[in-house]
Protein backbone atom coordinates (compact mmCIF):
# COMPACT_ATOMS: atom_id res chain seq x y z
CA UNK A 1 112.40 81.09 115.32
CA UNK A 2 109.26 80.66 116.81
CA UNK A 3 107.09 78.89 114.71
CA UNK A 4 104.03 80.48 116.13
CA UNK A 5 104.87 83.89 115.31
CA UNK A 6 106.09 82.26 111.97
CA UNK A 7 102.74 82.12 111.66
CA UNK A 8 101.66 85.50 112.99
CA UNK A 9 104.11 87.54 110.63
CA UNK A 10 103.46 85.76 107.59
CA UNK A 11 99.28 86.31 107.82
CA UNK A 12 100.05 90.21 108.35
CA UNK A 13 102.18 89.94 105.15
CA UNK A 14 99.66 87.78 103.13
CA UNK A 15 96.41 89.39 103.98
CA UNK A 16 96.57 91.14 101.40
CA UNK A 17 97.67 88.82 98.17
CA UNK A 18 95.54 86.20 95.92
CA UNK A 19 92.57 84.33 97.77
CA UNK A 20 95.21 81.40 98.76
CA UNK A 21 99.07 82.08 98.94
CA UNK A 22 100.12 79.21 98.04
CA UNK A 23 103.24 78.04 100.97
CA UNK A 24 102.87 74.82 100.48
CA UNK A 25 105.68 71.17 99.56
CA UNK A 26 104.03 69.30 96.59
CA UNK A 27 102.82 66.73 97.13
CA UNK A 28 104.14 63.14 97.69
CA UNK A 29 103.90 61.26 94.90
CA UNK A 30 102.23 57.54 95.40
CA UNK A 31 104.82 54.94 96.95
CA UNK A 32 103.77 52.46 94.10
CA UNK A 33 103.13 54.57 91.68
CA UNK A 34 99.90 54.84 89.11
CA UNK A 35 98.65 51.78 87.50
CA UNK A 36 98.36 52.36 83.85
CA UNK A 37 94.72 53.14 83.75
CA UNK A 38 95.86 56.57 86.26
CA UNK A 39 98.47 57.17 84.50
CA UNK A 40 96.82 57.95 81.25
CA UNK A 41 93.33 60.21 83.99
CA UNK A 42 96.08 61.70 85.78
CA UNK A 43 98.08 63.56 81.84
CA UNK A 44 93.79 63.58 81.06
CA UNK A 45 93.98 65.70 84.19
CA UNK A 46 96.48 67.30 83.94
CA UNK A 47 96.15 68.68 80.09
CA UNK A 48 93.01 70.27 81.36
CA UNK A 49 94.26 71.70 84.07
CA UNK A 50 97.00 73.71 81.38
CA UNK A 51 93.88 73.75 79.02
CA UNK A 52 92.18 75.76 81.68
CA UNK A 53 94.89 78.26 82.28
CA UNK A 54 94.08 80.06 79.03
CA UNK A 55 90.38 80.32 79.79
CA UNK A 56 88.30 84.07 80.21
CA UNK A 57 87.89 83.36 83.71
CA UNK A 58 90.15 84.82 86.19
CA UNK A 59 88.75 82.25 89.05
CA UNK A 60 89.19 80.05 86.58
CA UNK A 61 92.65 80.66 86.06
CA UNK A 62 93.44 80.68 89.17
CA UNK A 63 92.05 77.55 90.30
CA UNK A 64 93.69 75.99 87.01
CA UNK A 65 97.65 76.88 88.77
CA UNK A 66 96.11 76.34 92.07
CA UNK A 67 94.95 73.23 91.60
CA UNK A 68 98.60 72.71 89.02
CA UNK A 69 100.92 73.63 92.26
CA UNK A 70 98.98 71.28 94.59
CA UNK A 71 100.27 68.02 91.96
CA UNK A 72 103.69 68.91 92.12
CA UNK A 73 104.64 68.48 88.71
CA UNK A 74 107.32 70.11 87.45
CA UNK A 75 105.46 70.25 83.64
CA UNK A 76 103.46 72.10 84.58
CA UNK A 77 105.98 75.53 85.59
CA UNK A 78 107.00 76.63 81.75
CA UNK A 79 102.52 77.32 81.73
CA UNK A 80 102.88 78.00 84.74
CA UNK A 81 105.24 81.89 84.40
CA UNK A 82 103.53 82.75 81.90
CA UNK A 83 101.05 83.62 84.14
CA UNK A 84 102.90 85.88 85.87
CA UNK A 85 102.03 87.90 83.37
CA UNK A 86 98.30 87.15 83.44
CA UNK A 87 96.15 90.34 82.97
CA UNK A 88 94.53 90.07 86.91
CA UNK A 89 96.80 90.83 90.10
CA UNK A 90 94.85 87.52 91.60
CA UNK A 91 95.88 85.06 88.37
CA UNK A 92 99.92 86.40 88.87
CA UNK A 93 100.38 86.14 92.78
CA UNK A 94 98.64 82.71 92.50
CA UNK A 95 101.09 82.26 89.93
CA UNK A 96 104.20 83.73 92.43
CA UNK A 97 103.17 80.79 95.10
CA UNK A 98 102.66 78.21 92.87
CA UNK A 99 106.03 78.59 91.51
CA UNK A 100 107.09 78.46 95.28
CA UNK A 101 105.59 75.86 96.06
CA UNK A 102 107.06 73.68 92.99
CA UNK A 103 110.71 74.88 93.72
CA UNK A 104 111.79 74.90 90.72
CA UNK A 105 114.95 78.19 89.65
CA UNK A 106 113.45 78.39 86.20
CA UNK A 107 111.06 80.91 87.36
CA UNK A 108 113.61 83.66 89.39
CA UNK A 109 114.43 85.53 86.47
CA UNK A 110 110.60 85.73 86.23
CA UNK A 111 110.02 86.49 89.36
CA UNK A 112 113.09 89.07 89.96
CA UNK A 113 111.47 91.11 86.30
CA UNK A 114 107.63 90.61 88.43
CA UNK A 115 109.50 92.03 91.39
CA UNK A 116 110.83 95.40 90.32
CA UNK A 117 107.76 95.80 87.56
CA UNK A 118 104.38 94.66 88.55
CA UNK A 119 102.19 97.60 89.49
CA UNK A 120 100.38 95.33 92.04
CA UNK A 121 102.20 95.63 95.73
CA UNK A 122 100.48 91.91 96.73
CA UNK A 123 101.64 90.64 93.64
CA UNK A 124 105.32 92.29 94.38
CA UNK A 125 105.64 90.95 97.71
CA UNK A 126 104.11 87.36 96.59
CA UNK A 127 107.59 87.38 94.25
CA UNK A 128 109.56 88.35 96.91
CA UNK A 129 109.42 86.02 99.39
CA UNK A 130 109.00 82.85 97.01
CA UNK A 131 112.37 84.56 95.45
CA UNK A 132 113.97 83.79 99.18
CA UNK A 133 112.02 80.31 99.11
CA UNK A 134 113.21 79.76 95.84
CA UNK A 135 117.63 79.85 98.01
CA UNK A 136 118.64 81.72 95.06
CA UNK A 137 121.90 84.08 95.64
CA UNK A 138 121.30 85.94 92.60
CA UNK A 139 117.55 87.46 94.19
CA UNK A 140 119.83 88.46 96.76
CA UNK A 141 120.48 92.05 95.40
CA UNK A 142 117.19 92.67 94.11
CA UNK A 143 115.23 91.91 97.40
CA UNK A 144 118.23 94.65 99.27
CA UNK A 145 116.50 97.08 96.69
CA UNK A 146 112.84 95.95 97.17
CA UNK A 147 113.78 96.74 101.25
CA UNK A 148 112.40 100.85 99.66
CA UNK A 149 109.05 99.40 97.81
CA UNK A 150 106.29 102.43 98.77
CA UNK A 151 104.91 99.67 99.85
CA UNK A 152 105.61 99.07 103.82
CA UNK A 153 104.45 94.96 102.67
CA UNK A 154 106.38 94.50 99.76
CA UNK A 155 109.29 95.54 102.24
CA UNK A 156 108.88 93.25 104.63
CA UNK A 157 108.30 90.39 102.37
CA UNK A 158 111.59 91.26 100.85
CA UNK A 159 113.47 91.26 104.23
CA UNK A 160 111.73 87.70 104.64
CA UNK A 161 113.23 87.19 101.50
CA UNK A 162 116.02 87.34 103.06
CA UNK A 163 116.53 86.05 105.93
CA UNK A 164 115.34 82.48 103.68
CA UNK A 165 118.60 82.84 100.92
CA UNK A 166 120.33 83.65 105.34
CA UNK A 167 123.10 85.56 103.19
CA UNK A 168 125.49 87.37 105.24
CA UNK A 169 125.45 90.49 102.03
CA UNK A 170 121.84 91.26 102.87
CA UNK A 171 122.49 92.11 107.19
CA UNK A 172 123.89 96.09 107.39
CA UNK A 173 120.88 96.67 104.35
CA UNK A 174 118.31 94.85 107.13
CA UNK A 175 120.40 97.01 110.27
CA UNK A 176 119.24 100.21 108.60
CA UNK A 177 115.84 99.35 108.47
CA UNK A 178 115.65 98.24 112.42
CA UNK A 179 113.86 101.38 112.82
CA UNK A 180 111.39 101.40 110.05
CA UNK A 181 107.97 103.42 110.80
CA UNK A 182 106.14 100.89 109.81
CA UNK A 183 105.77 97.62 112.52
CA UNK A 184 105.29 94.74 109.91
CA UNK A 185 108.79 96.34 108.18
CA UNK A 186 110.11 96.47 112.02
CA UNK A 187 109.14 93.19 112.06
CA UNK A 188 109.89 91.49 109.36
CA UNK A 189 114.05 93.00 109.38
CA UNK A 190 114.01 91.84 113.15
CA UNK A 191 113.05 88.03 112.37
CA UNK A 192 115.39 88.01 109.23
CA UNK A 193 118.63 88.80 111.37
CA UNK A 194 117.87 85.62 113.32
CA UNK A 195 117.32 83.51 110.96
CA UNK A 196 120.63 85.32 108.95
CA UNK A 197 121.85 84.71 112.67
CA UNK A 198 125.10 87.15 112.08
CA UNK A 199 126.44 88.03 115.01
CA UNK A 200 126.24 91.85 114.05
CA UNK A 201 123.07 92.23 114.96
CA UNK A 202 122.95 91.84 118.50
CA UNK A 203 123.63 95.38 119.49
CA UNK A 204 120.55 97.25 117.00
CA UNK A 205 118.55 94.91 117.97
CA UNK A 206 119.05 94.71 121.58
CA UNK A 207 118.65 98.32 121.26
CA UNK A 208 115.31 98.10 119.32
CA UNK A 209 114.33 95.65 121.43
CA UNK A 210 113.78 98.61 124.07
CA UNK A 211 112.88 101.30 121.85
CA UNK A 212 110.29 99.23 121.87
CA UNK A 213 108.72 100.35 124.52
CA UNK A 214 108.17 103.35 123.20
CA UNK A 215 105.47 102.73 120.65
CA UNK A 216 102.17 102.16 120.81
CA UNK A 217 102.27 99.50 117.74
CA UNK A 218 105.26 96.82 118.84
CA UNK A 219 103.86 93.73 120.10
CA UNK A 220 105.03 91.58 116.86
CA UNK A 221 108.00 93.91 116.89
CA UNK A 222 108.98 93.23 120.43
CA UNK A 223 108.08 89.21 120.35
CA UNK A 224 109.95 89.61 116.89
CA UNK A 225 113.08 91.32 118.40
CA UNK A 226 113.13 88.74 121.53
CA UNK A 227 113.56 85.64 119.30
CA UNK A 228 116.04 87.09 117.28
CA UNK A 229 118.75 87.76 119.47
CA UNK A 230 117.57 84.67 121.34
CA UNK A 231 118.29 83.10 117.74
CA UNK A 232 121.42 84.56 117.61
CA UNK A 233 123.04 83.38 120.49
CA UNK A 234 124.75 86.09 122.07
CA UNK A 235 124.80 86.63 125.86
CA UNK A 236 124.92 89.72 125.75
CA UNK A 237 121.30 90.76 125.10
CA UNK A 238 120.43 88.82 128.57
CA UNK A 239 120.41 92.44 129.96
CA UNK A 240 117.74 94.06 127.56
CA UNK A 241 115.64 90.74 127.85
CA UNK A 242 115.73 90.92 131.45
CA UNK A 243 115.02 94.80 130.93
CA UNK A 244 112.30 93.62 128.47
CA UNK A 245 110.74 91.00 131.56
CA UNK A 246 110.88 94.62 134.17
CA UNK A 247 108.86 96.52 131.78
CA UNK A 248 106.16 94.12 129.63
CA UNK A 249 102.54 94.45 131.02
CA UNK A 250 101.60 91.49 128.29
CA UNK A 251 101.11 88.45 129.96
CA UNK A 252 101.21 86.44 126.41
CA UNK A 253 103.62 88.83 125.11
CA UNK A 254 106.18 88.40 128.06
CA UNK A 255 105.77 84.63 128.34
CA UNK A 256 106.91 84.70 124.63
CA UNK A 257 109.86 86.21 126.42
CA UNK A 258 110.29 83.85 128.83
CA UNK A 259 110.76 81.16 126.57
CA UNK A 260 113.27 83.75 124.27
CA UNK A 261 115.32 84.52 127.87
CA UNK A 262 115.72 80.63 128.72
CA UNK A 263 116.80 79.83 125.12
CA UNK A 264 119.36 82.25 124.78
CA UNK A 265 120.90 82.02 128.41
CA UNK A 266 121.01 77.43 127.17
CA UNK A 267 122.96 78.54 123.68
CA UNK A 268 126.31 77.69 124.20
CA UNK A 269 129.14 80.48 125.07
């Protein structure tokens, strides 16, 4: 997927989320390893951060979660899982994002419970994205169910999670959402279908690209759809991209579409 569009789309999905999204990877440990003194100091710091998870201040708990995630220490996984039931939504979202950063599959079942049961949509959305990151196929069916969440941002996050998992079982459910009313959802669905790279998506996305010109809120969707067609690499889509370029007036959108067309034209037959 085009990196610029990925950044735009992900930003749109997390605007309502906790103050810190925590999607980075864990920092690598020092190549030389800690000295004895450093090891003791780091152990003391880890213990202090774990203790802060019980702070009366929600901000302090959230900051401790963020710092533990940055350390990349898997000893923090179970304590952070416990905060998925915190009283503060920001803390629960931070915990979900931290578990994605730590990348430990012990978090899958607890996150599935969050996805289906948390009352805050931004927490459910964080769980959906992180379940995609963790790469466990048992998340596919729950994420398909989440495509029908009452919040369009959660639906879009579920679509992105399915795209990350790249499971062909998600293609038909995603195709049913290509014409969803919410533009963030349509963009996420197109992106996910491009990531999965299943040719069943080509013709629906071709039609969707042209249909977007009948809408007023569709710039991001047009870009996502054009780039998804390039990712799919099926040259039947060249005609749809050329037709879209003939209609499109925005220069930045045209530039991105031309990039997609160039990449599609260069793909192997």
